[in-house]
Amino acid sequence: MKLLFALTHRATHLIVFFLFSTQSFANDVHHCASASPMTFGILPFVSTEQLVVRFTPLVDYLSQQLNTTVRIETAPNFVEFSRRTAEDQRYDILFTAPHFYPSAEKSGYQLIASVDSPGMRALIVVPKKSSIKTLQDLRGKRMATVDVYSLSSLLVKKYLAENGIDPDKDLEIISTPTHNASLLSAYHGITDASALMQPPYAAAEPQVRDNMRIIAKTQRAPHIPISVGSRINQACTTEISNLLLNMASTDAGKNVLKHNRFSGFKLANADDYKKIKVLMLH
């Protein structure tokens, strides 16, 4: 009888151990290995050097957590990035402009998250010592903007038009390759004003930001969407989504998010990005 009890007791422990071990093994299963290496396509909204510095921690985090290799890739400009997204479907994980997402969706990209924020505004800034105080003072002046197809350029041009200023006639708009280039253009006196999105302005060097003054803020647009390409299977897609959505709940994730001044990622609605087209037309 004692022998039977001992054997039964031992068998019970073995079963419990097996169940826990199986559960642990299941939790360690990774679904993205077959897609390795994965290409993380990032819109060229800052210089290549800054992009690498800001996003390498995120790419390293994804590589480690997904047990695969994730690589950063960008493009020379917004137009080429959009073409590579839509025509080549070149990127496995996509970090693109809000108004570029509808086109990406038509090419098979699936929305999985967005930066956790109420949205983004574009700003018009001038040097603190500038005599420009209002939008009307921009008439006859030179204003730097980001790529003509950037969200900031579209938002600012719409805002100017709504306030009685023709962006094609009443001032000279100078296109620059990045948000920082636009900001530094006015900071160094090359142009009279600069237009850029609020997040890059907030992330600018304090010495630059402290010597500038905001004279206008546009309406908000949805923040950056994160999507995955059609090459990624659904199990891997879910794994990436869950990883991003839970980043802010771990110390390691929080440390990574700091590099881009993100509070985290949240679930996103594709319809919010489709509405941007309407926003631009009215």
C-alpha atoms as a PDB file:
ATOM      1  CA  MET A   1       0.000   0.000   0.000  1.00  0.00           C
ATOM      2  CA  LYS A   2       2.804   2.400   0.895  1.00  0.00           C
ATOM      3  CA  LEU A   3       4.585   1.496  -2.341  1.00  0.00           C
ATOM      4  CA  LEU A   4       1.404   2.172  -4.362  1.00  0.00           C
ATOM      5  CA  PHE A   5       0.957   5.590  -2.667  1.00  0.00           C
ATOM      6  CA  ALA A   6       4.584   6.499  -3.324  1.00  0.00           C
ATOM      7  CA  LEU A   7       4.329   5.563  -6.996  1.00  0.00           C
ATOM      8  CA  THR A   8       1.035   7.434  -7.388  1.00  0.00           C
ATOM      9  CA  HIS A   9       2.455  10.505  -5.615  1.00  0.00           C
ATOM     10  CA  ARG A  10       5.542  10.455  -7.812  1.00  0.00           C
ATOM     11  CA  ALA A  11       3.463  10.024 -10.966  1.00  0.00           C
ATOM     12  CA  THR A  12       1.361  13.042  -9.986  1.00  0.00           C
ATOM     13  CA  HIS A  13       4.491  15.170  -9.630  1.00  0.00           C
ATOM     14  CA  LEU A  14       5.741  13.992 -13.002  1.00  0.00           C
ATOM     15  CA  ILE A  15       2.439  14.898 -14.645  1.00  0.00           C
ATOM     16  CA  VAL A  16       2.437  18.368 -13.052  1.00  0.00           C
ATOM     17  CA  PHE A  17       6.061  18.886 -14.063  1.00  0.00           C
ATOM     18  CA  PHE A  18       5.265  17.794 -17.609  1.00  0.00           C
ATOM     19  CA  LEU A  19       2.318  20.176 -17.833  1.00  0.00           C
ATOM     20  CA  PHE A  20       4.349  23.141 -16.603  1.00  0.00           C
ATOM     21  CA  SER A  21       7.236  22.233 -18.868  1.00  0.00           C
ATOM     22  CA  THR A  22       4.927  21.976 -21.858  1.00  0.00           C
ATOM     23  CA  GLN A  23       3.378  25.360 -21.044  1.00  0.00           C
ATOM     24  CA  SER A  24       6.821  26.924 -20.657  1.00  0.00           C
ATOM     25  CA  PHE A  25       7.909  25.469 -23.976  1.00  0.00           C
ATOM     26  CA  ALA A  26       4.754  26.811 -25.652  1.00  0.00           C
ATOM     27  CA  ASN A  27       5.466  30.281 -24.309  1.00  0.00           C
ATOM     28  CA  ASP A  28       8.953  30.138 -25.808  1.00  0.00           C
ATOM     29  CA  VAL A  29       7.739  29.259 -29.311  1.00  0.00           C
ATOM     30  CA  HIS A  30       8.582  31.983 -31.838  1.00  0.00           C
ATOM     31  CA  HIS A  31       6.677  32.317 -35.091  1.00  0.00           C
ATOM     32  CA  CYS A  32       8.866  34.793 -36.990  1.00  0.00           C
ATOM     33  CA  ALA A  33      11.958  32.631 -37.515  1.00  0.00           C
ATOM     34  CA  SER A  34      10.856  31.611 -41.003  1.00  0.00           C
ATOM     35  CA  ALA A  35      10.757  35.281 -42.048  1.00  0.00           C
ATOM     36  CA  SER A  36      14.346  36.001 -40.974  1.00  0.00           C
ATOM     37  CA  PRO A  37      15.868  38.387 -41.801  1.00  0.00           C
ATOM     38  CA  MET A  38      13.033  40.895 -41.487  1.00  0.00           C
ATOM     39  CA  THR A  39      13.272  44.397 -42.936  1.00  0.00           C
ATOM     40  CA  PHE A  40      12.046  47.276 -40.774  1.00  0.00           C
ATOM     41  CA  GLY A  41      11.234  50.087 -43.212  1.00  0.00           C
ATOM     42  CA  ILE A  42      11.373  53.546 -41.634  1.00  0.00           C
ATOM     43  CA  LEU A  43      10.234  56.745 -43.324  1.00  0.00           C
ATOM     44  CA  PRO A  44      13.241  59.093 -43.860  1.00  0.00           C
ATOM     45  CA  PHE A  45      11.803  61.856 -41.662  1.00  0.00           C
ATOM     46  CA  VAL A  46      15.177  62.540 -40.018  1.00  0.00           C
ATOM     47  CA  SER A  47      18.727  62.123 -41.290  1.00  0.00           C
ATOM     48  CA  THR A  48      20.007  58.591 -41.817  1.00  0.00           C
ATOM     49  CA  GLU A  49      22.438  58.980 -38.914  1.00  0.00           C
ATOM     50  CA  GLN A  50      19.700  60.103 -36.530  1.00  0.00           C
ATOM     51  CA  LEU A  51      17.381  57.398 -37.763  1.00  0.00           C
ATOM     52  CA  VAL A  52      19.959  54.707 -36.983  1.00  0.00           C
ATOM     53  CA  VAL A  53      20.637  56.130 -33.520  1.00  0.00           C
ATOM     54  CA  ARG A  54      16.961  56.422 -32.643  1.00  0.00           C
ATOM     55  CA  PHE A  55      15.712  53.113 -34.036  1.00  0.00           C
ATOM     56  CA  THR A  56      18.586  50.682 -33.511  1.00  0.00           C
ATOM     57  CA  PRO A  57      17.490  49.990 -29.892  1.00  0.00           C
ATOM     58  CA  LEU A  58      13.969  49.144 -31.125  1.00  0.00           C
ATOM     59  CA  VAL A  59      15.258  46.886 -33.895  1.00  0.00           C
ATOM     60  CA  ASP A  60      17.613  45.130 -31.471  1.00  0.00           C
ATOM     61  CA  TYR A  61      14.723  44.658 -29.038  1.00  0.00           C
ATOM     62  CA  LEU A  62      12.526  43.143 -31.745  1.00  0.00           C
ATOM     63  CA  SER A  63      15.332  40.858 -32.905  1.00  0.00           C
ATOM     64  CA  GLN A  64      15.912  39.578 -29.390  1.00  0.00           C
ATOM     65  CA  GLN A  65      12.273  39.144 -28.417  1.00  0.00           C
ATOM     66  CA  LEU A  66      11.212  37.574 -31.718  1.00  0.00           C
ATOM     67  CA  ASN A  67      14.299  35.365 -31.868  1.00  0.00           C
ATOM     68  CA  THR A  68      15.028  36.509 -35.409  1.00  0.00           C
ATOM     69  CA  THR A  69      17.061  39.138 -37.275  1.00  0.00           C
ATOM     70  CA  VAL A  70      15.476  42.535 -37.938  1.00  0.00           C
ATOM     71  CA  ARG A  71      17.290  45.109 -40.075  1.00  0.00           C
ATOM     72  CA  ILE A  72      16.687  48.825 -40.590  1.00  0.00           C
ATOM     73  CA  GLU A  73      16.109  50.152 -44.077  1.00  0.00           C
ATOM     74  CA  THR A  74      14.962  53.542 -45.350  1.00  0.00           C
ATOM     75  CA  ALA A  75      14.978  55.421 -48.674  1.00  0.00           C
ATOM     76  CA  PRO A  76      16.513  58.624 -50.099  1.00  0.00           C
ATOM     77  CA  ASN A  77      13.220  60.524 -49.909  1.00  0.00           C
ATOM     78  CA  PHE A  78       9.504  60.243 -49.178  1.00  0.00           C
ATOM     79  CA  VAL A  79       8.496  59.489 -52.772  1.00  0.00           C
ATOM     80  CA  GLU A  80      10.954  56.615 -53.146  1.00  0.00           C
ATOM     81  CA  PHE A  81      10.014  55.224 -49.732  1.00  0.00           C
ATOM     82  CA  SER A  82       6.343  55.250 -50.714  1.00  0.00           C
ATOM     83  CA  ARG A  83       7.146  53.586 -54.048  1.00  0.00           C
ATOM     84  CA  ARG A  84       9.212  50.850 -52.390  1.00  0.00           C
ATOM     85  CA  THR A  85       6.344  50.272 -49.993  1.00  0.00           C
ATOM     86  CA  ALA A  86       3.528  50.084 -52.528  1.00  0.00           C
ATOM     87  CA  GLU A  87       5.205  48.700 -55.650  1.00  0.00           C
ATOM     88  CA  ASP A  88       8.049  46.585 -54.270  1.00  0.00           C
ATOM     89  CA  GLN A  89       6.450  45.631 -50.936  1.00  0.00           C
ATOM     90  CA  ARG A  90      10.013  45.849 -49.734  1.00  0.00           C
ATOM     91  CA  TYR A  91       9.436  46.183 -46.012  1.00  0.00           C
ATOM     92  CA  ASP A  92       8.272  43.491 -43.588  1.00  0.00           C
ATOM     93  CA  ILE A  93       7.567  45.911 -40.724  1.00  0.00           C
ATOM     94  CA  LEU A  94       6.545  49.387 -41.825  1.00  0.00           C
ATOM     95  CA  PHE A  95       6.929  52.693 -39.962  1.00  0.00           C
ATOM     96  CA  THR A  96       5.454  55.202 -42.384  1.00  0.00           C
ATOM     97  CA  ALA A  97       3.657  58.536 -42.506  1.00  0.00           C
ATOM     98  CA  PRO A  98      -0.032  58.481 -41.528  1.00  0.00           C
ATOM     99  CA  HIS A  99      -1.160  59.692 -44.974  1.00  0.00           C
ATOM    100  CA  PHE A 100       0.929  56.998 -46.704  1.00  0.00           C
ATOM    101  CA  TYR A 101      -0.769  54.116 -44.888  1.00  0.00           C
ATOM    102  CA  PRO A 102      -3.927  53.854 -47.068  1.00  0.00           C
ATOM    103  CA  SER A 103      -1.704  53.217 -50.090  1.00  0.00           C
ATOM    104  CA  ALA A 104       0.306  50.656 -48.121  1.00  0.00           C
ATOM    105  CA  GLU A 105      -2.896  48.897 -47.068  1.00  0.00           C
ATOM    106  CA  LYS A 106      -3.924  48.524 -50.712  1.00  0.00           C
ATOM    107  CA  SER A 107      -0.576  46.813 -51.290  1.00  0.00           C
ATOM    108  CA  GLY A 108      -1.265  44.219 -48.615  1.00  0.00           C
ATOM    109  CA  TYR A 109       0.109  45.791 -45.441  1.00  0.00           C
ATOM    110  CA  GLN A 110      -1.805  44.995 -42.253  1.00  0.00           C
ATOM    111  CA  LEU A 111      -2.134  47.601 -39.501  1.00  0.00           C
ATOM    112  CA  ILE A 112      -1.078  46.217 -36.108  1.00  0.00           C
ATOM    113  CA  ALA A 113      -0.449  49.284 -33.909  1.00  0.00           C
ATOM    114  CA  SER A 114       0.280  52.988 -33.781  1.00  0.00           C
ATOM    115  CA  VAL A 115       2.344  55.234 -31.578  1.00  0.00           C
ATOM    116  CA  ASP A 116       0.337  55.834 -28.393  1.00  0.00           C
ATOM    117  CA  SER A 117      -0.512  59.520 -28.678  1.00  0.00           C
ATOM    118  CA  PRO A 118      -3.619  61.661 -29.268  1.00  0.00           C
ATOM    119  CA  GLY A 119      -2.083  62.669 -32.599  1.00  0.00           C
ATOM    120  CA  MET A 120       0.463  64.989 -34.181  1.00  0.00           C
ATOM    121  CA  ARG A 121       0.412  68.632 -35.200  1.00  0.00           C
ATOM    122  CA  ALA A 122       2.625  70.540 -37.576  1.00  0.00           C
ATOM    123  CA  LEU A 123       4.225  73.737 -36.300  1.00  0.00           C
ATOM    124  CA  ILE A 124       5.457  76.951 -37.853  1.00  0.00           C
ATOM    125  CA  VAL A 125       8.392  78.373 -35.917  1.00  0.00           C
ATOM    126  CA  VAL A 126      10.619  81.435 -36.219  1.00  0.00           C
ATOM    127  CA  PRO A 127      13.732  82.645 -34.386  1.00  0.00           C
ATOM    128  CA  LYS A 128      12.890  84.338 -31.086  1.00  0.00           C
ATOM    129  CA  LYS A 129      14.398  87.621 -32.287  1.00  0.00           C
ATOM    130  CA  SER A 130      12.352  87.582 -35.488  1.00  0.00           C
ATOM    131  CA  SER A 131       9.891  90.368 -36.210  1.00  0.00           C
ATOM    132  CA  ILE A 132       7.424  87.752 -37.450  1.00  0.00           C
ATOM    133  CA  LYS A 133       4.635  87.465 -34.878  1.00  0.00           C
ATOM    134  CA  THR A 134       1.626  86.123 -36.794  1.00  0.00           C
ATOM    135  CA  LEU A 135       0.830  84.136 -39.910  1.00  0.00           C
ATOM    136  CA  GLN A 136       0.118  87.319 -41.826  1.00  0.00           C
ATOM    137  CA  ASP A 137       3.710  88.407 -41.224  1.00  0.00           C
ATOM    138  CA  LEU A 138       4.839  85.471 -43.370  1.00  0.00           C
ATOM    139  CA  ARG A 139       3.745  87.226 -46.562  1.00  0.00           C
ATOM    140  CA  GLY A 140       6.755  87.827 -48.765  1.00  0.00           C
ATOM    141  CA  LYS A 141       8.985  85.695 -46.501  1.00  0.00           C
ATOM    142  CA  ARG A 142      10.855  82.419 -47.034  1.00  0.00           C
ATOM    143  CA  MET A 143       9.715  79.347 -45.092  1.00  0.00           C
ATOM    144  CA  ALA A 144      11.491  75.990 -44.958  1.00  0.00           C
ATOM    145  CA  THR A 145       9.401  72.829 -44.999  1.00  0.00           C
ATOM    146  CA  VAL A 146      10.065  69.113 -45.134  1.00  0.00           C
ATOM    147  CA  ASP A 147       9.554  67.093 -48.334  1.00  0.00           C
ATOM    148  CA  VAL A 148       6.635  68.457 -50.339  1.00  0.00           C
ATOM    149  CA  TYR A 149       4.818  65.134 -49.858  1.00  0.00           C
ATOM    150  CA  SER A 150       5.335  65.070 -46.090  1.00  0.00           C
ATOM    151  CA  LEU A 151       2.420  65.294 -43.683  1.00  0.00           C
ATOM    152  CA  SER A 152       3.818  68.485 -42.170  1.00  0.00           C
ATOM    153  CA  SER A 153       3.910  70.227 -45.561  1.00  0.00           C
ATOM    154  CA  LEU A 154       0.350  69.191 -46.340  1.00  0.00           C
ATOM    155  CA  LEU A 155      -0.953  70.244 -42.928  1.00  0.00           C
ATOM    156  CA  VAL A 156       0.838  73.598 -43.041  1.00  0.00           C
ATOM    157  CA  LYS A 157      -0.274  74.450 -46.574  1.00  0.00           C
ATOM    158  CA  LYS A 158      -3.854  73.638 -45.645  1.00  0.00           C
ATOM    159  CA  TYR A 159      -3.575  75.758 -42.496  1.00  0.00           C
ATOM    160  CA  LEU A 160      -2.144  78.710 -44.434  1.00  0.00           C
ATOM    161  CA  ALA A 161      -4.915  78.514 -47.025  1.00  0.00           C
ATOM    162  CA  GLU A 162      -7.571  78.410 -44.306  1.00  0.00           C
ATOM    163  CA  ASN A 163      -6.111  81.632 -42.920  1.00  0.00           C
ATOM    164  CA  GLY A 164      -6.138  83.495 -46.208  1.00  0.00           C
ATOM    165  CA  ILE A 165      -2.539  82.901 -47.249  1.00  0.00           C
ATOM    166  CA  ASP A 166      -1.813  81.287 -50.610  1.00  0.00           C
ATOM    167  CA  PRO A 167       1.209  79.035 -49.974  1.00  0.00           C
ATOM    168  CA  ASP A 168       2.100  79.117 -53.671  1.00  0.00           C
ATOM    169  CA  LYS A 169       1.982  82.891 -54.101  1.00  0.00           C
ATOM    170  CA  ASP A 170       2.166  84.781 -50.806  1.00  0.00           C
ATOM    171  CA  LEU A 171       5.475  83.338 -49.576  1.00  0.00           C
ATOM    172  CA  GLU A 172       8.386  81.294 -50.858  1.00  0.00           C
ATOM    173  CA  ILE A 173       8.475  77.715 -49.626  1.00  0.00           C
ATOM    174  CA  ILE A 174      11.854  75.980 -49.533  1.00  0.00           C
ATOM    175  CA  SER A 175      11.807  72.165 -49.381  1.00  0.00           C
ATOM    176  CA  THR A 176      14.388  70.453 -47.175  1.00  0.00           C
ATOM    177  CA  PRO A 177      15.095  66.713 -46.774  1.00  0.00           C
ATOM    178  CA  THR A 178      14.217  66.307 -43.073  1.00  0.00           C
ATOM    179  CA  HIS A 179      12.455  67.960 -40.137  1.00  0.00           C
ATOM    180  CA  ASN A 180      15.774  68.894 -38.563  1.00  0.00           C
ATOM    181  CA  ALA A 181      16.984  70.440 -41.803  1.00  0.00           C
ATOM    182  CA  SER A 182      13.837  72.534 -41.934  1.00  0.00           C
ATOM    183  CA  LEU A 183      14.242  73.679 -38.325  1.00  0.00           C
ATOM    184  CA  LEU A 184      17.928  74.508 -38.696  1.00  0.00           C
ATOM    185  CA  SER A 185      17.221  76.505 -41.830  1.00  0.00           C
ATOM    186  CA  ALA A 186      15.359  79.175 -39.846  1.00  0.00           C
ATOM    187  CA  TYR A 187      17.622  78.779 -36.815  1.00  0.00           C
ATOM    188  CA  HIS A 188      20.661  79.699 -38.927  1.00  0.00           C
ATOM    189  CA  GLY A 189      18.832  82.473 -40.754  1.00  0.00           C
ATOM    190  CA  ILE A 190      18.748  80.784 -44.152  1.00  0.00           C
ATOM    191  CA  THR A 191      14.965  81.127 -44.162  1.00  0.00           C
ATOM    192  CA  ASP A 192      12.633  83.340 -42.137  1.00  0.00           C
ATOM    193  CA  ALA A 193      10.509  80.493 -40.759  1.00  0.00           C
ATOM    194  CA  SER A 194      10.341  76.712 -40.578  1.00  0.00           C
ATOM    195  CA  ALA A 195       7.523  74.187 -40.720  1.00  0.00           C
ATOM    196  CA  LEU A 196       7.867  70.744 -39.142  1.00  0.00           C
ATOM    197  CA  MET A 197       5.984  68.183 -37.066  1.00  0.00           C
ATOM    198  CA  GLN A 198       5.736  68.690 -33.313  1.00  0.00           C
ATOM    199  CA  PRO A 199       7.539  65.458 -32.210  1.00  0.00           C
ATOM    200  CA  PRO A 200      10.804  66.252 -34.073  1.00  0.00           C
ATOM    201  CA  TYR A 201      10.646  69.815 -32.768  1.00  0.00           C
ATOM    202  CA  ALA A 202      10.266  68.561 -29.191  1.00  0.00           C
ATOM    203  CA  ALA A 203      13.243  66.247 -29.736  1.00  0.00           C
ATOM    204  CA  ALA A 204      15.505  68.979 -31.137  1.00  0.00           C
ATOM    205  CA  GLU A 205      18.594  70.179 -29.293  1.00  0.00           C
ATOM    206  CA  PRO A 206      17.572  72.463 -26.378  1.00  0.00           C
ATOM    207  CA  GLN A 207      19.900  75.186 -27.641  1.00  0.00           C
ATOM    208  CA  VAL A 208      18.022  75.259 -30.936  1.00  0.00           C
ATOM    209  CA  ARG A 209      14.530  74.902 -29.507  1.00  0.00           C
ATOM    210  CA  ASP A 210      15.096  77.524 -26.806  1.00  0.00           C
ATOM    211  CA  ASN A 211      15.966  80.082 -29.463  1.00  0.00           C
ATOM    212  CA  MET A 212      12.857  79.500 -31.542  1.00  0.00           C
ATOM    213  CA  ARG A 213       9.260  80.620 -31.129  1.00  0.00           C
ATOM    214  CA  ILE A 214       6.069  78.842 -32.255  1.00  0.00           C
ATOM    215  CA  ILE A 215       3.707  81.112 -34.178  1.00  0.00           C
ATOM    216  CA  ALA A 216       1.191  78.517 -35.390  1.00  0.00           C
ATOM    217  CA  LYS A 217      -0.059  74.979 -34.743  1.00  0.00           C
ATOM    218  CA  THR A 218      -2.126  73.036 -37.256  1.00  0.00           C
ATOM    219  CA  GLN A 219      -4.940  70.613 -36.485  1.00  0.00           C
ATOM    220  CA  ARG A 220      -4.021  67.124 -35.333  1.00  0.00           C
ATOM    221  CA  ALA A 221      -3.536  64.063 -37.506  1.00  0.00           C
ATOM    222  CA  PRO A 222      -3.271  60.434 -36.320  1.00  0.00           C
ATOM    223  CA  HIS A 223       0.173  59.363 -35.121  1.00  0.00           C
ATOM    224  CA  ILE A 224       2.543  56.999 -36.943  1.00  0.00           C
ATOM    225  CA  PRO A 225       1.020  53.609 -37.906  1.00  0.00           C
ATOM    226  CA  ILE A 226       2.911  50.330 -37.642  1.00  0.00           C
ATOM    227  CA  SER A 227       2.009  47.624 -40.152  1.00  0.00           C
ATOM    228  CA  VAL A 228       3.412  44.375 -41.523  1.00  0.00           C
ATOM    229  CA  GLY A 229       3.783  43.155 -45.090  1.00  0.00           C
ATOM    230  CA  SER A 230       2.067  40.205 -46.728  1.00  0.00           C
ATOM    231  CA  ARG A 231       5.201  38.031 -46.457  1.00  0.00           C
ATOM    232  CA  ILE A 232       4.677  37.796 -42.692  1.00  0.00           C
ATOM    233  CA  ASN A 233       2.397  34.965 -41.561  1.00  0.00           C
ATOM    234  CA  GLN A 234      -0.480  35.638 -39.178  1.00  0.00           C
ATOM    235  CA  ALA A 235       1.152  33.966 -36.176  1.00  0.00           C
ATOM    236  CA  CYS A 236       4.236  36.146 -36.575  1.00  0.00           C
ATOM    237  CA  THR A 237       2.044  39.216 -37.119  1.00  0.00           C
ATOM    238  CA  THR A 238       0.253  38.547 -33.844  1.00  0.00           C
ATOM    239  CA  GLU A 239       3.557  38.039 -32.038  1.00  0.00           C
ATOM    240  CA  ILE A 240       4.932  41.367 -33.306  1.00  0.00           C
ATOM    241  CA  SER A 241       1.704  43.161 -32.420  1.00  0.00           C
ATOM    242  CA  ASN A 242       1.599  41.761 -28.883  1.00  0.00           C
ATOM    243  CA  LEU A 243       5.247  42.637 -28.368  1.00  0.00           C
ATOM    244  CA  LEU A 244       4.734  46.267 -29.399  1.00  0.00           C
ATOM    245  CA  LEU A 245       1.498  46.699 -27.454  1.00  0.00           C
ATOM    246  CA  ASN A 246       3.138  45.440 -24.252  1.00  0.00           C
ATOM    247  CA  MET A 247       6.457  47.291 -24.532  1.00  0.00           C
ATOM    248  CA  ALA A 248       5.489  50.027 -22.097  1.00  0.00           C
ATOM    249  CA  SER A 249       4.757  47.454 -19.392  1.00  0.00           C
ATOM    250  CA  THR A 250       8.358  46.226 -19.101  1.00  0.00           C
ATOM    251  CA  ASP A 251      11.505  48.018 -17.964  1.00  0.00           C
ATOM    252  CA  ALA A 252      13.414  46.881 -21.046  1.00  0.00           C
ATOM    253  CA  GLY A 253      10.619  48.095 -23.295  1.00  0.00           C
ATOM    254  CA  LYS A 254      10.410  51.473 -21.566  1.00  0.00           C
ATOM    255  CA  ASN A 255      14.148  52.010 -22.018  1.00  0.00           C
ATOM    256  CA  VAL A 256      13.822  51.341 -25.740  1.00  0.00           C
ATOM    257  CA  LEU A 257      10.838  53.678 -26.113  1.00  0.00           C
ATOM    258  CA  LYS A 258      12.805  56.561 -24.588  1.00  0.00           C
ATOM    259  CA  HIS A 259      15.023  56.774 -27.667  1.00  0.00           C
ATOM    260  CA  ASN A 260      12.061  58.064 -29.681  1.00  0.00           C
ATOM    261  CA  ARG A 261      10.219  59.786 -26.849  1.00  0.00           C
ATOM    262  CA  PHE A 262       7.331  57.333 -27.308  1.00  0.00           C
ATOM    263  CA  SER A 263       5.059  56.474 -24.383  1.00  0.00           C
ATOM    264  CA  GLY A 264       4.268  53.164 -26.050  1.00  0.00           C
ATOM    265  CA  PHE A 265       2.143  51.652 -28.807  1.00  0.00           C
ATOM    266  CA  LYS A 266      -1.614  51.114 -28.965  1.00  0.00           C
ATOM    267  CA  LEU A 267      -4.211  49.381 -31.121  1.00  0.00           C
ATOM    268  CA  ALA A 268      -4.989  51.381 -34.243  1.00  0.00           C
ATOM    269  CA  ASN A 269      -7.967  51.795 -36.562  1.00  0.00           C
ATOM    270  CA  ALA A 270      -7.318  51.850 -40.308  1.00  0.00           C
ATOM    271  CA  ASP A 271     -10.319  54.151 -40.820  1.00  0.00           C
ATOM    272  CA  ASP A 272      -8.520  56.906 -38.891  1.00  0.00           C
ATOM    273  CA  TYR A 273      -5.831  56.976 -41.564  1.00  0.00           C
ATOM    274  CA  LYS A 274      -8.315  56.909 -44.426  1.00  0.00           C
ATOM    275  CA  LYS A 275      -9.877  60.062 -42.968  1.00  0.00           C
ATOM    276  CA  ILE A 276      -6.624  61.962 -43.515  1.00  0.00           C
ATOM    277  CA  LYS A 277      -7.462  62.257 -47.217  1.00  0.00           C
ATOM    278  CA  VAL A 278     -10.725  63.939 -46.276  1.00  0.00           C
ATOM    279  CA  LEU A 279      -8.863  66.157 -43.803  1.00  0.00           C
ATOM    280  CA  MET A 280      -6.549  67.348 -46.584  1.00  0.00           C
ATOM    281  CA  LEU A 281      -9.364  68.064 -49.029  1.00  0.00           C
ATOM    282  CA  HIS A 282     -11.472  70.256 -46.736  1.00  0.00           C
END
